[in-house]
C-alpha atoms as a PDB file:
ATOM      1  CA  MET A   1      89.776 -90.433  71.536  1.00  0.00           C
ATOM      2  CA  LYS A   2      87.117 -90.029  68.874  1.00  0.00           C
ATOM      3  CA  LYS A   3      84.761 -92.029  71.115  1.00  0.00           C
ATOM      4  CA  PHE A   4      85.662 -89.808  74.064  1.00  0.00           C
ATOM      5  CA  TYR A   5      84.768 -86.594  72.055  1.00  0.00           C
ATOM      6  CA  THR A   6      81.516 -88.202  70.862  1.00  0.00           C
ATOM      7  CA  LEU A   7      80.558 -89.064  74.426  1.00  0.00           C
ATOM      8  CA  ILE A   8      81.305 -85.483  75.637  1.00  0.00           C
ATOM      9  CA  THR A   9      79.326 -83.984  72.752  1.00  0.00           C
ATOM     10  CA  THR A  10      76.326 -86.237  73.523  1.00  0.00           C
ATOM     11  CA  LEU A  11      76.373 -85.350  77.233  1.00  0.00           C
ATOM     12  CA  CYS A  12      76.553 -81.597  76.475  1.00  0.00           C
ATOM     13  CA  MET A  13      73.563 -81.848  74.115  1.00  0.00           C
ATOM     14  CA  LEU A  14      71.642 -83.798  76.663  1.00  0.00           C
ATOM     15  CA  ALA A  15      72.449 -81.126  79.286  1.00  0.00           C
ATOM     16  CA  VAL A  16      71.383 -78.306  76.978  1.00  0.00           C
ATOM     17  CA  PHE A  17      68.213 -79.708  75.864  1.00  0.00           C
ATOM     18  CA  GLY A  18      67.389 -81.044  79.370  1.00  0.00           C
ATOM     19  CA  CYS A  19      67.833 -77.479  80.727  1.00  0.00           C
ATOM     20  CA  VAL A  20      65.732 -75.986  77.910  1.00  0.00           C
ATOM     21  CA  SER A  21      62.987 -78.579  78.513  1.00  0.00           C
ATOM     22  CA  LEU A  22      62.689 -77.418  82.123  1.00  0.00           C
ATOM     23  CA  ILE A  23      61.977 -73.830  81.257  1.00  0.00           C
ATOM     24  CA  PRO A  24      58.439 -74.264  79.832  1.00  0.00           C
ATOM     25  CA  MET A  25      57.653 -76.744  82.623  1.00  0.00           C
ATOM     26  CA  ALA A  26      58.664 -74.198  85.276  1.00  0.00           C
ATOM     27  CA  ALA A  27      56.647 -71.477  83.516  1.00  0.00           C
ATOM     28  CA  ALA A  28      53.636 -73.781  83.413  1.00  0.00           C
ATOM     29  CA  ALA A  29      53.852 -74.553  87.136  1.00  0.00           C
ATOM     30  CA  ALA A  30      53.931 -70.859  87.924  1.00  0.00           C
ATOM     31  CA  ASP A  31      50.869 -70.174  85.789  1.00  0.00           C
ATOM     32  CA  THR A  32      48.478 -73.112  86.302  1.00  0.00           C
ATOM     33  CA  GLY A  33      45.588 -70.959  87.369  1.00  0.00           C
ATOM     34  CA  LYS A  34      45.152 -73.119  90.460  1.00  0.00           C
ATOM     35  CA  LYS A  35      44.352 -70.960  93.453  1.00  0.00           C
ATOM     36  CA  ALA A  36      44.052 -71.781  97.139  1.00  0.00           C
ATOM     37  CA  ILE A  37      43.098 -70.223 100.434  1.00  0.00           C
ATOM     38  CA  LEU A  38      44.957 -71.752 103.318  1.00  0.00           C
ATOM     39  CA  VAL A  39      43.032 -71.181 106.555  1.00  0.00           C
ATOM     40  CA  VAL A  40      45.419 -71.337 109.420  1.00  0.00           C
ATOM     41  CA  SER A  41      44.351 -71.580 113.137  1.00  0.00           C
ATOM     42  CA  PHE A  42      45.795 -72.687 116.435  1.00  0.00           C
ATOM     43  CA  GLY A  43      43.473 -75.713 116.242  1.00  0.00           C
ATOM     44  CA  THR A  44      41.268 -77.606 118.732  1.00  0.00           C
ATOM     45  CA  THR A  45      40.823 -81.267 119.846  1.00  0.00           C
ATOM     46  CA  TYR A  46      37.071 -80.682 120.347  1.00  0.00           C
ATOM     47  CA  PRO A  47      35.331 -82.134 117.216  1.00  0.00           C
ATOM     48  CA  GLU A  48      32.054 -80.325 117.795  1.00  0.00           C
ATOM     49  CA  THR A  49      33.747 -77.011 118.457  1.00  0.00           C
ATOM     50  CA  MET A  50      36.027 -77.458 115.332  1.00  0.00           C
ATOM     51  CA  LYS A  51      32.884 -78.024 113.239  1.00  0.00           C
ATOM     52  CA  ALA A  52      31.056 -75.002 114.729  1.00  0.00           C
ATOM     53  CA  THR A  53      34.006 -72.634 114.469  1.00  0.00           C
ATOM     54  CA  ILE A  54      36.908 -73.514 112.138  1.00  0.00           C
ATOM     55  CA  GLU A  55      34.877 -75.501 109.717  1.00  0.00           C
ATOM     56  CA  ALA A  56      32.197 -72.857 109.717  1.00  0.00           C
ATOM     57  CA  VAL A  57      34.736 -70.173 108.772  1.00  0.00           C
ATOM     58  CA  GLU A  58      36.237 -72.442 106.062  1.00  0.00           C
ATOM     59  CA  SER A  59      32.750 -73.022 104.566  1.00  0.00           C
ATOM     60  CA  LYS A  60      32.103 -69.371 104.440  1.00  0.00           C
ATOM     61  CA  MET A  61      35.385 -68.859 102.740  1.00  0.00           C
ATOM     62  CA  GLN A  62      34.568 -71.448 100.110  1.00  0.00           C
ATOM     63  CA  LYS A  63      31.118 -69.877  99.401  1.00  0.00           C
ATOM     64  CA  GLU A  64      32.655 -66.430  99.185  1.00  0.00           C
ATOM     65  CA  PHE A  65      35.678 -67.437  96.984  1.00  0.00           C
ATOM     66  CA  PRO A  66      34.479 -70.271  94.745  1.00  0.00           C
ATOM     67  CA  GLU A  67      37.478 -69.814  92.402  1.00  0.00           C
ATOM     68  CA  TYR A  68      39.738 -70.761  95.228  1.00  0.00           C
ATOM     69  CA  GLU A  69      40.281 -74.209  96.958  1.00  0.00           C
ATOM     70  CA  VAL A  70      40.111 -73.843 100.675  1.00  0.00           C
ATOM     71  CA  ARG A  71      42.643 -75.852 102.673  1.00  0.00           C
ATOM     72  CA  ARG A  72      43.256 -76.214 106.453  1.00  0.00           C
ATOM     73  CA  ALA A  73      46.354 -75.990 108.630  1.00  0.00           C
ATOM     74  CA  PHE A  74      46.969 -75.830 112.459  1.00  0.00           C
ATOM     75  CA  THR A  75      49.931 -74.125 114.165  1.00  0.00           C
ATOM     76  CA  SER A  76      49.645 -76.134 117.480  1.00  0.00           C
ATOM     77  CA  ARG A  77      51.907 -79.105 117.127  1.00  0.00           C
ATOM     78  CA  ILE A  78      50.449 -80.501 120.386  1.00  0.00           C
ATOM     79  CA  ILE A  79      46.923 -80.435 119.021  1.00  0.00           C
ATOM     80  CA  ILE A  80      48.064 -81.952 115.656  1.00  0.00           C
ATOM     81  CA  LYS A  81      49.754 -84.821 117.489  1.00  0.00           C
ATOM     82  CA  LYS A  82      46.782 -85.518 119.724  1.00  0.00           C
ATOM     83  CA  LEU A  83      44.303 -85.678 116.841  1.00  0.00           C
ATOM     84  CA  ALA A  84      46.599 -87.985 114.992  1.00  0.00           C
ATOM     85  CA  GLU A  85      46.981 -90.369 117.963  1.00  0.00           C
ATOM     86  CA  ARG A  86      43.364 -90.195 119.256  1.00  0.00           C
ATOM     87  CA  ASP A  87      41.422 -89.929 116.060  1.00  0.00           C
ATOM     88  CA  GLY A  88      43.819 -90.904 113.319  1.00  0.00           C
ATOM     89  CA  VAL A  89      43.233 -87.472 111.773  1.00  0.00           C
ATOM     90  CA  LYS A  90      46.157 -85.864 110.015  1.00  0.00           C
ATOM     91  CA  ILE A  91      46.199 -82.111 109.965  1.00  0.00           C
ATOM     92  CA  ASP A  92      49.052 -80.207 108.270  1.00  0.00           C
ATOM     93  CA  THR A  93      51.152 -77.658 109.873  1.00  0.00           C
ATOM     94  CA  GLU A  94      51.304 -74.308 108.073  1.00  0.00           C
ATOM     95  CA  LYS A  95      54.609 -75.302 106.422  1.00  0.00           C
ATOM     96  CA  GLU A  96      53.433 -78.754 105.402  1.00  0.00           C
ATOM     97  CA  ALA A  97      50.284 -77.365 103.893  1.00  0.00           C
ATOM     98  CA  LEU A  98      52.223 -74.834 101.807  1.00  0.00           C
ATOM     99  CA  ALA A  99      54.625 -77.538 100.645  1.00  0.00           C
ATOM    100  CA  ARG A 100      51.675 -79.667  99.642  1.00  0.00           C
ATOM    101  CA  LEU A 101      50.084 -76.808  97.613  1.00  0.00           C
ATOM    102  CA  GLN A 102      53.445 -76.260  95.938  1.00  0.00           C
ATOM    103  CA  ALA A 103      53.798 -79.971  95.057  1.00  0.00           C
ATOM    104  CA  GLU A 104      50.300 -79.945  93.611  1.00  0.00           C
ATOM    105  CA  GLY A 105      51.139 -77.109  91.256  1.00  0.00           C
ATOM    106  CA  PHE A 106      49.048 -74.216  92.784  1.00  0.00           C
ATOM    107  CA  SER A 107      50.196 -70.863  91.437  1.00  0.00           C
ATOM    108  CA  GLU A 108      48.392 -68.397  93.824  1.00  0.00           C
ATOM    109  CA  VAL A 109      47.902 -68.922  97.554  1.00  0.00           C
ATOM    110  CA  ILE A 110      46.211 -66.678 100.170  1.00  0.00           C
ATOM    111  CA  VAL A 111      47.165 -67.644 103.710  1.00  0.00           C
ATOM    112  CA  GLN A 112      44.500 -66.370 106.090  1.00  0.00           C
ATOM    113  CA  PRO A 113      45.208 -66.782 109.842  1.00  0.00           C
ATOM    114  CA  LEU A 114      42.241 -67.166 112.240  1.00  0.00           C
ATOM    115  CA  HIS A 115      44.425 -66.024 115.177  1.00  0.00           C
ATOM    116  CA  ILE A 116      43.084 -63.158 117.376  1.00  0.00           C
ATOM    117  CA  SER A 117      46.218 -61.070 117.847  1.00  0.00           C
ATOM    118  CA  PRO A 118      49.452 -60.618 115.968  1.00  0.00           C
ATOM    119  CA  GLY A 119      51.285 -62.727 118.504  1.00  0.00           C
ATOM    120  CA  GLU A 120      53.702 -65.640 118.499  1.00  0.00           C
ATOM    121  CA  GLU A 121      51.561 -67.903 116.342  1.00  0.00           C
ATOM    122  CA  PHE A 122      50.976 -65.197 113.710  1.00  0.00           C
ATOM    123  CA  ASP A 123      54.722 -64.452 113.662  1.00  0.00           C
ATOM    124  CA  MET A 124      55.388 -68.154 112.970  1.00  0.00           C
ATOM    125  CA  VAL A 125      52.942 -68.229 110.089  1.00  0.00           C
ATOM    126  CA  LYS A 126      54.346 -64.932 108.706  1.00  0.00           C
ATOM    127  CA  ALA A 127      57.935 -66.338 108.781  1.00  0.00           C
ATOM    128  CA  VAL A 128      56.901 -69.501 106.866  1.00  0.00           C
ATOM    129  CA  VAL A 129      55.017 -67.473 104.224  1.00  0.00           C
ATOM    130  CA  LYS A 130      58.081 -65.277 103.822  1.00  0.00           C
ATOM    131  CA  GLN A 131      60.209 -68.432 103.125  1.00  0.00           C
ATOM    132  CA  PHE A 132      57.857 -69.482 100.414  1.00  0.00           C
ATOM    133  CA  GLU A 133      57.716 -66.000  98.961  1.00  0.00           C
ATOM    134  CA  VAL A 134      61.533 -65.696  98.836  1.00  0.00           C
ATOM    135  CA  SER A 135      61.896 -69.114  97.274  1.00  0.00           C
ATOM    136  CA  LYS A 136      59.239 -68.176  94.563  1.00  0.00           C
ATOM    137  CA  ALA A 137      57.476 -71.482  95.295  1.00  0.00           C
ATOM    138  CA  PHE A 138      54.281 -69.784  93.978  1.00  0.00           C
ATOM    139  CA  ASP A 139      53.593 -67.173  91.310  1.00  0.00           C
ATOM    140  CA  LYS A 140      51.733 -65.298  94.031  1.00  0.00           C
ATOM    141  CA  ILE A 141      51.374 -65.628  97.766  1.00  0.00           C
ATOM    142  CA  ALA A 142      49.868 -63.258 100.273  1.00  0.00           C
ATOM    143  CA  LEU A 143      49.259 -63.258 104.024  1.00  0.00           C
ATOM    144  CA  GLY A 144      46.044 -61.974 105.555  1.00  0.00           C
ATOM    145  CA  ARG A 145      45.988 -60.330 108.958  1.00  0.00           C
ATOM    146  CA  PRO A 146      44.583 -61.793 112.209  1.00  0.00           C
ATOM    147  CA  MET A 147      41.355 -60.422 113.816  1.00  0.00           C
ATOM    148  CA  LEU A 148      43.107 -57.556 115.656  1.00  0.00           C
ATOM    149  CA  TYR A 149      45.668 -55.729 113.552  1.00  0.00           C
ATOM    150  CA  TYR A 150      44.908 -52.144 112.200  1.00  0.00           C
ATOM    151  CA  MET A 151      43.476 -49.560 114.460  1.00  0.00           C
ATOM    152  CA  GLY A 152      42.137 -47.054 111.891  1.00  0.00           C
ATOM    153  CA  GLN A 153      45.430 -45.241 111.363  1.00  0.00           C
ATOM    154  CA  SER A 154      46.757 -43.945 107.997  1.00  0.00           C
ATOM    155  CA  GLY A 155      43.434 -44.670 106.259  1.00  0.00           C
ATOM    156  CA  LYS A 156      43.369 -48.340 107.343  1.00  0.00           C
ATOM    157  CA  THR A 157      40.329 -50.025 108.729  1.00  0.00           C
ATOM    158  CA  ASP A 158      39.657 -50.207 112.533  1.00  0.00           C
ATOM    159  CA  ASP A 159      39.877 -54.027 113.233  1.00  0.00           C
ATOM    160  CA  TYR A 160      39.229 -53.389 116.947  1.00  0.00           C
ATOM    161  CA  LEU A 161      36.048 -51.515 116.367  1.00  0.00           C
ATOM    162  CA  ALA A 162      34.895 -54.025 113.775  1.00  0.00           C
ATOM    163  CA  THR A 163      35.392 -56.777 116.361  1.00  0.00           C
ATOM    164  CA  ALA A 164      33.650 -54.768 119.155  1.00  0.00           C
ATOM    165  CA  LYS A 165      30.572 -54.376 116.871  1.00  0.00           C
ATOM    166  CA  ALA A 166      30.710 -58.026 115.781  1.00  0.00           C
ATOM    167  CA  LEU A 167      30.534 -59.293 119.329  1.00  0.00           C
ATOM    168  CA  GLU A 168      27.134 -57.446 119.839  1.00  0.00           C
ATOM    169  CA  LEU A 169      25.655 -60.518 118.116  1.00  0.00           C
ATOM    170  CA  GLN A 170      26.334 -62.748 121.140  1.00  0.00           C
ATOM    171  CA  TYR A 171      25.933 -60.362 124.124  1.00  0.00           C
ATOM    172  CA  PRO A 172      22.947 -61.112 126.375  1.00  0.00           C
ATOM    173  CA  LYS A 173      20.593 -58.222 127.032  1.00  0.00           C
ATOM    174  CA  LEU A 174      22.397 -56.583 129.881  1.00  0.00           C
ATOM    175  CA  LYS A 175      20.496 -54.955 132.777  1.00  0.00           C
ATOM    176  CA  ASN A 176      21.674 -52.443 135.260  1.00  0.00           C
ATOM    177  CA  LYS A 177      24.712 -53.663 137.222  1.00  0.00           C
ATOM    178  CA  GLU A 178      25.456 -56.475 134.821  1.00  0.00           C
ATOM    179  CA  ALA A 179      28.517 -56.883 132.662  1.00  0.00           C
ATOM    180  CA  VAL A 180      30.212 -59.155 130.097  1.00  0.00           C
ATOM    181  CA  VAL A 181      33.772 -60.358 130.801  1.00  0.00           C
ATOM    182  CA  LEU A 182      35.757 -61.643 127.785  1.00  0.00           C
ATOM    183  CA  MET A 183      38.539 -64.127 128.402  1.00  0.00           C
ATOM    184  CA  GLY A 184      41.525 -63.935 125.963  1.00  0.00           C
ATOM    185  CA  HIS A 185      44.591 -66.125 125.898  1.00  0.00           C
ATOM    186  CA  GLY A 186      47.443 -63.658 126.289  1.00  0.00           C
ATOM    187  CA  GLY A 187      51.157 -64.363 126.736  1.00  0.00           C
ATOM    188  CA  VAL A 188      54.569 -62.774 126.844  1.00  0.00           C
ATOM    189  CA  HIS A 189      54.707 -61.714 123.190  1.00  0.00           C
ATOM    190  CA  PRO A 190      54.415 -57.944 122.566  1.00  0.00           C
ATOM    191  CA  GLY A 191      51.254 -58.812 120.566  1.00  0.00           C
ATOM    192  CA  ASN A 192      49.563 -59.451 123.950  1.00  0.00           C
ATOM    193  CA  SER A 193      49.134 -55.717 124.084  1.00  0.00           C
ATOM    194  CA  SER A 194      46.248 -56.215 121.640  1.00  0.00           C
ATOM    195  CA  TYR A 195      44.002 -57.236 124.552  1.00  0.00           C
ATOM    196  CA  ALA A 196      44.581 -54.025 126.508  1.00  0.00           C
ATOM    197  CA  ALA A 197      44.040 -52.047 123.260  1.00  0.00           C
ATOM    198  CA  MET A 198      40.839 -53.983 122.772  1.00  0.00           C
ATOM    199  CA  GLN A 199      39.680 -52.990 126.285  1.00  0.00           C
ATOM    200  CA  GLN A 200      40.383 -49.424 125.620  1.00  0.00           C
ATOM    201  CA  ARG A 201      38.651 -49.469 122.247  1.00  0.00           C
ATOM    202  CA  LEU A 202      35.559 -51.018 123.867  1.00  0.00           C
ATOM    203  CA  GLN A 203      35.422 -48.219 126.390  1.00  0.00           C
ATOM    204  CA  ASP A 204      35.991 -45.542 123.810  1.00  0.00           C
ATOM    205  CA  ALA A 205      33.251 -46.979 121.558  1.00  0.00           C
ATOM    206  CA  GLY A 206      30.758 -46.858 124.451  1.00  0.00           C
ATOM    207  CA  TYR A 207      30.860 -50.485 125.592  1.00  0.00           C
ATOM    208  CA  LYS A 208      31.191 -49.564 129.240  1.00  0.00           C
ATOM    209  CA  ASN A 209      29.940 -52.808 130.602  1.00  0.00           C
ATOM    210  CA  VAL A 210      32.270 -55.096 128.596  1.00  0.00           C
ATOM    211  CA  TYR A 211      35.738 -56.132 129.999  1.00  0.00           C
ATOM    212  CA  VAL A 212      38.628 -58.066 128.754  1.00  0.00           C
ATOM    213  CA  TYR A 213      41.166 -60.191 130.662  1.00  0.00           C
ATOM    214  CA  THR A 214      43.649 -62.887 129.645  1.00  0.00           C
ATOM    215  CA  VAL A 215      44.615 -66.207 131.002  1.00  0.00           C
ATOM    216  CA  GLU A 216      48.375 -65.695 130.567  1.00  0.00           C
ATOM    217  CA  GLY A 217      48.967 -61.956 130.440  1.00  0.00           C
ATOM    218  CA  TYR A 218      47.591 -58.575 130.824  1.00  0.00           C
ATOM    219  CA  PRO A 219      44.887 -57.375 131.536  1.00  0.00           C
ATOM    220  CA  SER A 220      44.415 -59.796 134.482  1.00  0.00           C
ATOM    221  CA  LEU A 221      41.217 -61.119 136.083  1.00  0.00           C
ATOM    222  CA  GLU A 222      42.192 -59.480 139.237  1.00  0.00           C
ATOM    223  CA  GLY A 223      42.232 -56.098 137.527  1.00  0.00           C
ATOM    224  CA  VAL A 224      38.842 -56.678 135.954  1.00  0.00           C
ATOM    225  CA  ILE A 225      37.375 -57.651 139.330  1.00  0.00           C
ATOM    226  CA  ALA A 226      38.605 -54.324 140.761  1.00  0.00           C
ATOM    227  CA  LYS A 227      36.841 -52.464 137.916  1.00  0.00           C
ATOM    228  CA  LEU A 228      33.635 -54.523 138.316  1.00  0.00           C
ATOM    229  CA  LYS A 229      33.561 -53.646 142.023  1.00  0.00           C
ATOM    230  CA  ALA A 230      34.259 -49.992 141.366  1.00  0.00           C
ATOM    231  CA  ASN A 231      31.344 -49.861 138.919  1.00  0.00           C
ATOM    232  CA  LYS A 232      29.133 -51.775 141.330  1.00  0.00           C
ATOM    233  CA  VAL A 233      28.502 -54.651 138.915  1.00  0.00           C
ATOM    234  CA  GLN A 234      26.558 -57.549 140.520  1.00  0.00           C
ATOM    235  CA  LYS A 235      26.273 -60.178 137.718  1.00  0.00           C
ATOM    236  CA  VAL A 236      28.778 -61.173 135.126  1.00  0.00           C
ATOM    237  CA  THR A 237      28.480 -63.233 131.931  1.00  0.00           C
ATOM    238  CA  LEU A 238      31.844 -64.925 131.027  1.00  0.00           C
ATOM    239  CA  MET A 239      32.697 -65.434 127.354  1.00  0.00           C
ATOM    240  CA  PRO A 240      35.728 -66.719 125.480  1.00  0.00           C
ATOM    241  CA  PHE A 241      37.536 -64.026 123.473  1.00  0.00           C
ATOM    242  CA  MET A 242      38.911 -66.985 121.519  1.00  0.00           C
ATOM    243  CA  LEU A 243      38.140 -68.507 118.146  1.00  0.00           C
ATOM    244  CA  VAL A 244      37.114 -71.779 119.813  1.00  0.00           C
ATOM    245  CA  ALA A 245      35.686 -72.758 123.181  1.00  0.00           C
ATOM    246  CA  GLY A 246      38.293 -75.393 124.073  1.00  0.00           C
ATOM    247  CA  ASP A 247      40.346 -76.240 127.171  1.00  0.00           C
ATOM    248  CA  HIS A 248      40.822 -72.666 128.313  1.00  0.00           C
ATOM    249  CA  ALA A 249      37.004 -71.913 128.094  1.00  0.00           C
ATOM    250  CA  THR A 250      35.972 -75.217 129.550  1.00  0.00           C
ATOM    251  CA  ASN A 251      38.527 -75.293 132.380  1.00  0.00           C
ATOM    252  CA  ASP A 252      40.176 -71.939 132.940  1.00  0.00           C
ATOM    253  CA  MET A 253      36.996 -69.907 132.412  1.00  0.00           C
ATOM    254  CA  ALA A 254      33.975 -72.136 133.386  1.00  0.00           C
ATOM    255  CA  GLY A 255      35.590 -75.149 135.168  1.00  0.00           C
ATOM    256  CA  ASP A 256      34.777 -76.509 138.599  1.00  0.00           C
ATOM    257  CA  GLU A 257      38.337 -75.871 139.871  1.00  0.00           C
ATOM    258  CA  LYS A 258      38.743 -73.359 142.653  1.00  0.00           C
ATOM    259  CA  ASP A 259      40.954 -71.059 140.502  1.00  0.00           C
ATOM    260  CA  SER A 260      38.640 -70.976 137.429  1.00  0.00           C
ATOM    261  CA  ALA A 261      37.393 -67.515 136.493  1.00  0.00           C
ATOM    262  CA  LYS A 262      33.779 -68.631 137.305  1.00  0.00           C
ATOM    263  CA  ASN A 263      34.659 -69.698 140.886  1.00  0.00           C
ATOM    264  CA  VAL A 264      36.962 -66.739 141.523  1.00  0.00           C
ATOM    265  CA  LEU A 265      34.129 -64.330 140.645  1.00  0.00           C
ATOM    266  CA  LEU A 266      31.620 -66.306 142.665  1.00  0.00           C
ATOM    267  CA  ALA A 267      33.913 -66.170 145.632  1.00  0.00           C
ATOM    268  CA  GLU A 268      34.082 -62.384 145.144  1.00  0.00           C
ATOM    269  CA  GLY A 269      30.365 -62.175 145.456  1.00  0.00           C
ATOM    270  CA  PHE A 270      29.238 -61.868 141.860  1.00  0.00           C
ATOM    271  CA  LYS A 271      26.481 -63.858 140.195  1.00  0.00           C
ATOM    272  CA  VAL A 272      27.967 -65.615 137.130  1.00  0.00           C
ATOM    273  CA  ASP A 273      26.672 -66.979 133.818  1.00  0.00           C
ATOM    274  CA  THR A 274      28.966 -68.656 131.274  1.00  0.00           C
ATOM    275  CA  TYR A 275      28.768 -68.608 127.585  1.00  0.00           C
ATOM    276  CA  LEU A 276      30.668 -71.626 126.124  1.00  0.00           C
ATOM    277  CA  HIS A 277      30.851 -70.725 122.484  1.00  0.00           C
ATOM    278  CA  GLY A 278      33.985 -69.632 120.555  1.00  0.00           C
ATOM    279  CA  MET A 279      33.885 -66.476 118.494  1.00  0.00           C
ATOM    280  CA  GLY A 280      34.218 -68.525 115.353  1.00  0.00           C
ATOM    281  CA  GLU A 281      30.578 -69.427 115.776  1.00  0.00           C
ATOM    282  CA  ASN A 282      29.679 -65.743 115.551  1.00  0.00           C
ATOM    283  CA  ALA A 283      28.612 -64.966 111.875  1.00  0.00           C
ATOM    284  CA  ASN A 284      29.923 -61.460 112.256  1.00  0.00           C
ATOM    285  CA  ILE A 285      33.286 -62.585 113.331  1.00  0.00           C
ATOM    286  CA  GLN A 286      33.389 -65.001 110.354  1.00  0.00           C
ATOM    287  CA  GLU A 287      32.731 -62.047 108.100  1.00  0.00           C
ATOM    288  CA  ILE A 288      35.744 -60.229 109.507  1.00  0.00           C
ATOM    289  CA  TYR A 289      38.074 -63.061 108.433  1.00  0.00           C
ATOM    290  CA  VAL A 290      36.324 -63.093 104.991  1.00  0.00           C
ATOM    291  CA  GLN A 291      36.992 -59.320 104.725  1.00  0.00           C
ATOM    292  CA  HIS A 292      40.643 -59.779 105.730  1.00  0.00           C
ATOM    293  CA  THR A 293      41.072 -62.417 102.984  1.00  0.00           C
ATOM    294  CA  LYS A 294      39.459 -59.995 100.480  1.00  0.00           C
ATOM    295  CA  ASP A 295      41.958 -57.383 101.560  1.00  0.00           C
ATOM    296  CA  ALA A 296      44.832 -59.752 101.114  1.00  0.00           C
ATOM    297  CA  ILE A 297      43.647 -60.595  97.613  1.00  0.00           C
ATOM    298  CA  ASP A 298      43.296 -56.905  96.852  1.00  0.00           C
ATOM    299  CA  GLU A 299      46.855 -56.225  98.045  1.00  0.00           C
ATOM    300  CA  LEU A 300      48.191 -59.115  96.027  1.00  0.00           C
ATOM    301  CA  ASN A 301      46.707 -57.805  92.846  1.00  0.00           C
ATOM    302  CA  ASN A 302      47.634 -54.163  93.615  1.00  0.00           C
ATOM    303  CA  PRO A 303      51.491 -53.712  93.725  1.00  0.00           C
ATOM    304  CA  LYS A 304      50.946 -50.202  95.088  1.00  0.00           C
ATOM    305  CA  ALA A 305      49.122 -51.366  98.095  1.00  0.00           C
ATOM    306  CA  LYS A 306      51.023 -51.252 101.361  1.00  0.00           C
ATOM    307  CA  LYS A 307      52.032 -54.709 102.559  1.00  0.00           C
ATOM    308  CA  HIS A 308      51.567 -55.895 106.149  1.00  0.00           C
END
């Protein structure tokens, strides 16, 4: 019996001291001073495009925020799989990247999406960030906003106007009866309304010869063609309203198939030029993402700031 009580006493002491020893370890993990910016995009399988867009934004982030380590994640599982099988390149999902940062002892993380609209992909990232926030995996974690989010209401910045002005850097010098047509992705998510809002913002800001359509939503190319004809436009320059010039830009916009935007417009009697560069190559667009990251950091360090 004495041996039994001795054993119980020993186990209790081990449990107590074991628990106590974990407390300073947990505190240290939450206050390591290690900070990271996780740049999350849909991704691309085009190496040169990735370098010119995603990597360019990441490089600008690293230069702007030297105290942070910049990491990468993609939300497209299809692209992640293809890169792994084709090139042997492993890209983390947003959840894997955050888990890795947690395991490596980072205490502050800013997640900055490179998505255009607050659509399905942004919702997915937002939900994962919320999980890590609730579990207190990091001492601090914040989510930046996509390119199109605020519209100047309640004292917030106008992301739509900022984007409209940023795009001026890549427009050709338009003559009379010429226009730019921007191709967005679109979809069934309510966030798809950002594209129609962008079209309205362009018009309100005086960009009368710039039009927006989406591959998989509204506004449609047919609707834009009707406007072009009504305004007697004769020549169109097609541009991706996307971070990268990938499959959609190469095929749906500028491809040789009969139903590509280029060939549809040609069949309607327009002269057509194509601009095969993603918005991620635009230095002004890159600055928008940098600013959104700054805003996220400011909100993180200002408890009174309104969260997204």
